[in-house]
Amino acid sequence: MSEPTLSELQAEVVAFSEERDWAQFHSPKNLAMALSVEAGELLELFLWAPEGTGVPPERQAKVSHEAADVLMCLLNFCARAEIDLAGALREKLEVAARKYPVERVRGRSLKYDEYPEWHEE
């Protein structure tokens, strides 16, 4: 069995909400706020963890569920906001590739406007 596509997952999320009559609560604004909350809950699982550590085995299930909540909110948001997430991602990667050319940024973590040599050209 093949992995589901982004569109298939989005359709499942939308159907899940529609079956429960939750679409009435799912404005783009509310879903954007819910996305932030879910991302915060994912981040909370790493609060005070030592730097450089992976996901502790005892938290793997919780981290997995919170990551799924983030994706569910994002897919729901994109459906309601009429955003083609796969297309938006590809477009964003093209923009980022122009901002961050490999030959200039490989192995560096600065933001594109923090590279002093770029301002001298």
C-alpha atoms as a PDB file:
ATOM      1  CA  MET A   1       0.000   0.000   0.000  1.00  0.00           C
ATOM      2  CA  SER A   2       1.384   3.401  -0.952  1.00  0.00           C
ATOM      3  CA  GLU A   3       1.704   6.344   1.383  1.00  0.00           C
ATOM      4  CA  PRO A   4      -1.225   8.790   1.256  1.00  0.00           C
ATOM      5  CA  THR A   5      -0.747  12.024  -0.647  1.00  0.00           C
ATOM      6  CA  LEU A   6      -1.088  15.413   0.964  1.00  0.00           C
ATOM      7  CA  SER A   7      -4.404  15.877  -0.857  1.00  0.00           C
ATOM      8  CA  GLU A   8      -5.699  12.545   0.435  1.00  0.00           C
ATOM      9  CA  LEU A   9      -4.721  13.401   4.000  1.00  0.00           C
ATOM     10  CA  GLN A  10      -6.377  16.804   3.664  1.00  0.00           C
ATOM     11  CA  ALA A  11      -9.582  15.179   2.421  1.00  0.00           C
ATOM     12  CA  GLU A  12      -9.551  12.847   5.449  1.00  0.00           C
ATOM     13  CA  VAL A  13      -9.096  15.790   7.828  1.00  0.00           C
ATOM     14  CA  VAL A  14     -11.909  17.750   6.167  1.00  0.00           C
ATOM     15  CA  ALA A  15     -14.215  14.701   6.250  1.00  0.00           C
ATOM     16  CA  PHE A  16     -13.406  14.125   9.922  1.00  0.00           C
ATOM     17  CA  SER A  17     -14.426  17.709  10.741  1.00  0.00           C
ATOM     18  CA  GLU A  18     -17.507  17.645   8.536  1.00  0.00           C
ATOM     19  CA  GLU A  19     -18.768  14.413  10.119  1.00  0.00           C
ATOM     20  CA  ARG A  20     -18.701  16.176  13.483  1.00  0.00           C
ATOM     21  CA  ASP A  21     -20.173  19.456  12.168  1.00  0.00           C
ATOM     22  CA  TRP A  22     -17.054  21.315  13.282  1.00  0.00           C
ATOM     23  CA  ALA A  23     -16.608  23.279  10.054  1.00  0.00           C
ATOM     24  CA  GLN A  24     -18.767  26.010  11.573  1.00  0.00           C
ATOM     25  CA  PHE A  25     -15.934  26.694  14.037  1.00  0.00           C
ATOM     26  CA  HIS A  26     -13.117  26.384  11.509  1.00  0.00           C
ATOM     27  CA  SER A  27     -12.571  29.827  10.102  1.00  0.00           C
ATOM     28  CA  PRO A  28      -9.055  30.487   8.825  1.00  0.00           C
ATOM     29  CA  LYS A  29      -8.514  32.783  11.828  1.00  0.00           C
ATOM     30  CA  ASN A  30      -9.548  30.127  14.340  1.00  0.00           C
ATOM     31  CA  LEU A  31      -7.535  27.443  12.597  1.00  0.00           C
ATOM     32  CA  ALA A  32      -4.449  29.672  12.474  1.00  0.00           C
ATOM     33  CA  MET A  33      -4.778  30.218  16.220  1.00  0.00           C
ATOM     34  CA  ALA A  34      -5.308  26.475  16.794  1.00  0.00           C
ATOM     35  CA  LEU A  35      -2.206  25.754  14.709  1.00  0.00           C
ATOM     36  CA  SER A  36      -0.168  28.038  16.938  1.00  0.00           C
ATOM     37  CA  VAL A  37      -1.547  26.354  20.061  1.00  0.00           C
ATOM     38  CA  GLU A  38      -0.791  22.870  18.730  1.00  0.00           C
ATOM     39  CA  ALA A  39       2.729  23.917  17.715  1.00  0.00           C
ATOM     40  CA  GLY A  40       3.176  25.294  21.235  1.00  0.00           C
ATOM     41  CA  GLU A  41       2.085  21.975  22.706  1.00  0.00           C
ATOM     42  CA  LEU A  42       4.664  20.206  20.545  1.00  0.00           C
ATOM     43  CA  LEU A  43       7.334  22.669  21.650  1.00  0.00           C
ATOM     44  CA  GLU A  44       6.372  22.202  25.299  1.00  0.00           C
ATOM     45  CA  LEU A  45       7.435  18.564  25.120  1.00  0.00           C
ATOM     46  CA  PHE A  46      11.010  19.761  24.578  1.00  0.00           C
ATOM     47  CA  LEU A  47      10.992  22.489  27.229  1.00  0.00           C
ATOM     48  CA  TRP A  48      14.041  22.174  29.477  1.00  0.00           C
ATOM     49  CA  ALA A  49      15.400  19.203  27.542  1.00  0.00           C
ATOM     50  CA  PRO A  50      19.194  19.208  27.223  1.00  0.00           C
ATOM     51  CA  GLU A  51      20.512  20.672  23.970  1.00  0.00           C
ATOM     52  CA  GLY A  52      21.218  18.222  21.215  1.00  0.00           C
ATOM     53  CA  THR A  53      18.944  15.500  22.522  1.00  0.00           C
ATOM     54  CA  GLY A  54      16.495  13.693  20.309  1.00  0.00           C
ATOM     55  CA  VAL A  55      13.008  12.623  21.267  1.00  0.00           C
ATOM     56  CA  PRO A  56      13.146  10.736  24.561  1.00  0.00           C
ATOM     57  CA  PRO A  57      11.662   7.240  24.062  1.00  0.00           C
ATOM     58  CA  GLU A  58       9.142   7.819  26.844  1.00  0.00           C
ATOM     59  CA  ARG A  59       7.820  10.894  24.983  1.00  0.00           C
ATOM     60  CA  GLN A  60       7.840   9.460  21.451  1.00  0.00           C
ATOM     61  CA  ALA A  61       4.085   8.783  21.387  1.00  0.00           C
ATOM     62  CA  LYS A  62       3.217  12.234  22.771  1.00  0.00           C
ATOM     63  CA  VAL A  63       5.550  13.970  20.307  1.00  0.00           C
ATOM     64  CA  SER A  64       4.084  11.941  17.466  1.00  0.00           C
ATOM     65  CA  HIS A  65       0.523  12.858  18.439  1.00  0.00           C
ATOM     66  CA  GLU A  66       1.326  16.547  18.811  1.00  0.00           C
ATOM     67  CA  ALA A  67       3.078  16.562  15.425  1.00  0.00           C
ATOM     68  CA  ALA A  68      -0.052  14.958  13.954  1.00  0.00           C
ATOM     69  CA  ASP A  69      -2.207  17.655  15.610  1.00  0.00           C
ATOM     70  CA  VAL A  70      -0.037  20.338  13.982  1.00  0.00           C
ATOM     71  CA  LEU A  71      -0.406  18.692  10.574  1.00  0.00           C
ATOM     72  CA  MET A  72      -4.149  18.228  11.060  1.00  0.00           C
ATOM     73  CA  CYS A  73      -4.591  21.920  11.881  1.00  0.00           C
ATOM     74  CA  LEU A  74      -2.390  22.980   8.980  1.00  0.00           C
ATOM     75  CA  LEU A  75      -4.237  20.794   6.463  1.00  0.00           C
ATOM     76  CA  ASN A  76      -7.581  22.014   7.789  1.00  0.00           C
ATOM     77  CA  PHE A  77      -6.386  25.636   7.639  1.00  0.00           C
ATOM     78  CA  CYS A  78      -5.196  25.240   4.058  1.00  0.00           C
ATOM     79  CA  ALA A  79      -8.496  23.662   3.033  1.00  0.00           C
ATOM     80  CA  ARG A  80     -10.485  26.535   4.533  1.00  0.00           C
ATOM     81  CA  ALA A  81      -8.104  29.209   3.213  1.00  0.00           C
ATOM     82  CA  GLU A  82      -8.051  27.572  -0.243  1.00  0.00           C
ATOM     83  CA  ILE A  83      -4.281  27.105  -0.215  1.00  0.00           C
ATOM     84  CA  ASP A  84      -2.661  24.377  -2.289  1.00  0.00           C
ATOM     85  CA  LEU A  85      -0.121  23.401   0.358  1.00  0.00           C
ATOM     86  CA  ALA A  86       2.044  21.286  -1.947  1.00  0.00           C
ATOM     87  CA  GLY A  87       2.143  24.102  -4.513  1.00  0.00           C
ATOM     88  CA  ALA A  88       2.839  26.694  -1.832  1.00  0.00           C
ATOM     89  CA  LEU A  89       5.694  24.583  -0.485  1.00  0.00           C
ATOM     90  CA  ARG A  90       7.283  24.209  -3.897  1.00  0.00           C
ATOM     91  CA  GLU A  91       6.977  27.955  -4.523  1.00  0.00           C
ATOM     92  CA  LYS A  92       8.474  28.738  -1.114  1.00  0.00           C
ATOM     93  CA  LEU A  93      11.389  26.382  -1.751  1.00  0.00           C
ATOM     94  CA  GLU A  94      12.113  28.210  -5.016  1.00  0.00           C
ATOM     95  CA  VAL A  95      12.078  31.574  -3.208  1.00  0.00           C
ATOM     96  CA  ALA A  96      14.305  30.203  -0.426  1.00  0.00           C
ATOM     97  CA  ALA A  97      16.737  28.743  -2.969  1.00  0.00           C
ATOM     98  CA  ARG A  98      17.206  32.217  -4.457  1.00  0.00           C
ATOM     99  CA  LYS A  99      17.624  33.793  -1.001  1.00  0.00           C
ATOM    100  CA  TYR A 100      19.986  31.106   0.217  1.00  0.00           C
ATOM    101  CA  PRO A 101      22.198  29.881  -2.658  1.00  0.00           C
ATOM    102  CA  VAL A 102      24.032  26.718  -1.635  1.00  0.00           C
ATOM    103  CA  GLU A 103      27.459  28.093  -2.490  1.00  0.00           C
ATOM    104  CA  ARG A 104      26.981  30.981  -0.050  1.00  0.00           C
ATOM    105  CA  VAL A 105      25.136  29.427   2.870  1.00  0.00           C
ATOM    106  CA  ARG A 106      26.196  25.790   3.116  1.00  0.00           C
ATOM    107  CA  GLY A 107      26.986  25.040   6.756  1.00  0.00           C
ATOM    108  CA  ARG A 108      25.991  28.536   7.942  1.00  0.00           C
ATOM    109  CA  SER A 109      22.926  29.433  10.004  1.00  0.00           C
ATOM    110  CA  LEU A 110      22.584  33.167   9.467  1.00  0.00           C
ATOM    111  CA  LYS A 111      19.451  34.723   8.019  1.00  0.00           C
ATOM    112  CA  TYR A 112      19.809  35.983   4.442  1.00  0.00           C
ATOM    113  CA  ASP A 113      20.038  39.639   5.501  1.00  0.00           C
ATOM    114  CA  GLU A 114      22.728  38.924   8.134  1.00  0.00           C
ATOM    115  CA  TYR A 115      25.494  38.025   5.668  1.00  0.00           C
ATOM    116  CA  PRO A 116      27.756  41.110   5.605  1.00  0.00           C
ATOM    117  CA  GLU A 117      29.427  40.182   2.331  1.00  0.00           C
ATOM    118  CA  TRP A 118      26.066  40.227   0.542  1.00  0.00           C
ATOM    119  CA  HIS A 119      25.592  43.907   1.372  1.00  0.00           C
ATOM    120  CA  GLU A 120      28.944  44.829  -0.177  1.00  0.00           C
ATOM    121  CA  GLU A 121      28.017  43.646  -3.692  1.00  0.00           C
END
